[in-house]
Amino acid sequence: MVSIKKGDHMRANKYATHVEPFLDKIKEMYASMTEAQIAKALGISKNTFQKYKQEHEELRQALLEAQQSAVEVYRSRSEER
């Protein structure tokens, strides 16, 4: 049995349960929510969300795709005017 003392950095990583299964949903949320709001909706802190962005390429890619999609929507709306 392993004992973990307070202050040990062996906390469970929520990425696999709170972020990874929702990458497609995160893309949708990115269109109308801030990263802080997305983090809160996922049940993680803004700092943890930032850390996961640095550590996980698939999250960075999902956010990049969401951003590119938003730009395309903006451009198409601008062209319609």
Protein backbone atom coordinates (compact mmCIF):
# COMPACT_ATOMS: atom_id res chain seq x y z
CA MET A 1 0.00 0.00 0.00
CA VAL A 2 1.32 3.42 -0.95
CA SER A 3 0.80 6.25 1.46
CA ILE A 4 0.47 9.74 0.07
CA LYS A 5 1.19 12.56 2.44
CA LYS A 6 -0.39 15.95 2.19
CA GLY A 7 1.63 18.02 -0.22
CA ASP A 8 2.80 15.08 -2.34
CA HIS A 9 2.29 15.75 -6.03
CA MET A 10 0.58 12.46 -6.77
CA ARG A 11 -2.91 13.86 -7.30
CA ALA A 12 -5.03 12.26 -9.97
CA ASN A 13 -4.95 13.96 -13.34
CA LYS A 14 -8.42 15.07 -14.44
CA TYR A 15 -7.46 15.41 -18.11
CA ALA A 16 -8.57 11.89 -18.98
CA THR A 17 -11.96 12.28 -17.29
CA HIS A 18 -12.79 15.98 -17.46
CA VAL A 19 -11.23 17.20 -20.71
CA GLU A 20 -10.27 14.51 -23.23
CA PRO A 21 -13.78 13.01 -23.61
CA PHE A 22 -15.15 16.49 -24.34
CA LEU A 23 -12.72 17.81 -26.97
CA ASP A 24 -15.49 18.15 -29.57
CA LYS A 25 -17.74 19.91 -27.06
CA ILE A 26 -14.85 22.22 -26.10
CA LYS A 27 -14.63 23.28 -29.76
CA GLU A 28 -18.31 24.25 -29.65
CA MET A 29 -17.95 26.05 -26.32
CA TYR A 30 -14.97 28.03 -27.59
CA ALA A 31 -17.25 29.90 -29.99
CA SER A 32 -19.17 31.59 -27.18
CA MET A 33 -17.19 31.13 -23.96
CA THR A 34 -13.88 32.27 -22.53
CA GLU A 35 -11.28 29.72 -21.54
CA ALA A 36 -12.06 30.47 -17.89
CA GLN A 37 -15.73 29.68 -18.52
CA ILE A 38 -14.83 26.48 -20.38
CA ALA A 39 -12.57 25.40 -17.52
CA LYS A 40 -15.35 26.01 -15.01
CA ALA A 41 -17.83 24.06 -17.15
CA LEU A 42 -15.33 21.17 -17.25
CA GLY A 43 -14.88 21.25 -13.48
CA ILE A 44 -11.25 22.32 -13.51
CA SER A 45 -9.46 25.56 -12.66
CA LYS A 46 -8.33 28.06 -15.27
CA ASN A 47 -4.71 27.35 -14.27
CA THR A 48 -5.24 23.62 -14.78
CA PHE A 49 -6.78 24.32 -18.19
CA GLN A 50 -3.70 26.37 -19.12
CA LYS A 51 -1.43 23.58 -17.91
CA TYR A 52 -3.34 21.01 -19.96
CA LYS A 53 -3.02 23.23 -23.04
CA GLN A 54 0.75 23.16 -22.60
CA GLU A 55 0.87 19.41 -21.99
CA HIS A 56 -1.65 18.04 -24.49
CA GLU A 57 -1.32 18.62 -28.22
CA GLU A 58 -4.85 17.36 -28.93
CA LEU A 59 -6.33 20.09 -26.70
CA ARG A 60 -4.22 22.77 -28.39
CA GLN A 61 -5.32 21.42 -31.76
CA ALA A 62 -9.01 21.43 -30.77
CA LEU A 63 -8.75 25.06 -29.66
CA LEU A 64 -6.90 26.03 -32.82
CA GLU A 65 -9.58 24.39 -34.97
CA ALA A 66 -12.27 26.20 -32.99
CA GLN A 67 -10.48 29.50 -33.45
CA GLN A 68 -10.06 28.93 -37.19
CA SER A 69 -13.73 28.03 -37.50
CA ALA A 70 -14.73 31.22 -35.69
CA VAL A 71 -12.56 33.27 -38.04
CA GLU A 72 -14.18 31.61 -41.07
CA VAL A 73 -17.66 32.40 -39.72
CA TYR A 74 -16.65 36.01 -39.09
CA ARG A 75 -15.21 36.35 -42.60
CA SER A 76 -18.26 34.85 -44.28
CA ARG A 77 -20.54 37.19 -42.34
CA SER A 78 -18.38 40.15 -43.29
CA GLU A 79 -18.56 39.18 -46.97
CA GLU A 80 -22.36 39.00 -46.81
CA ARG A 81 -22.61 42.68 -45.90
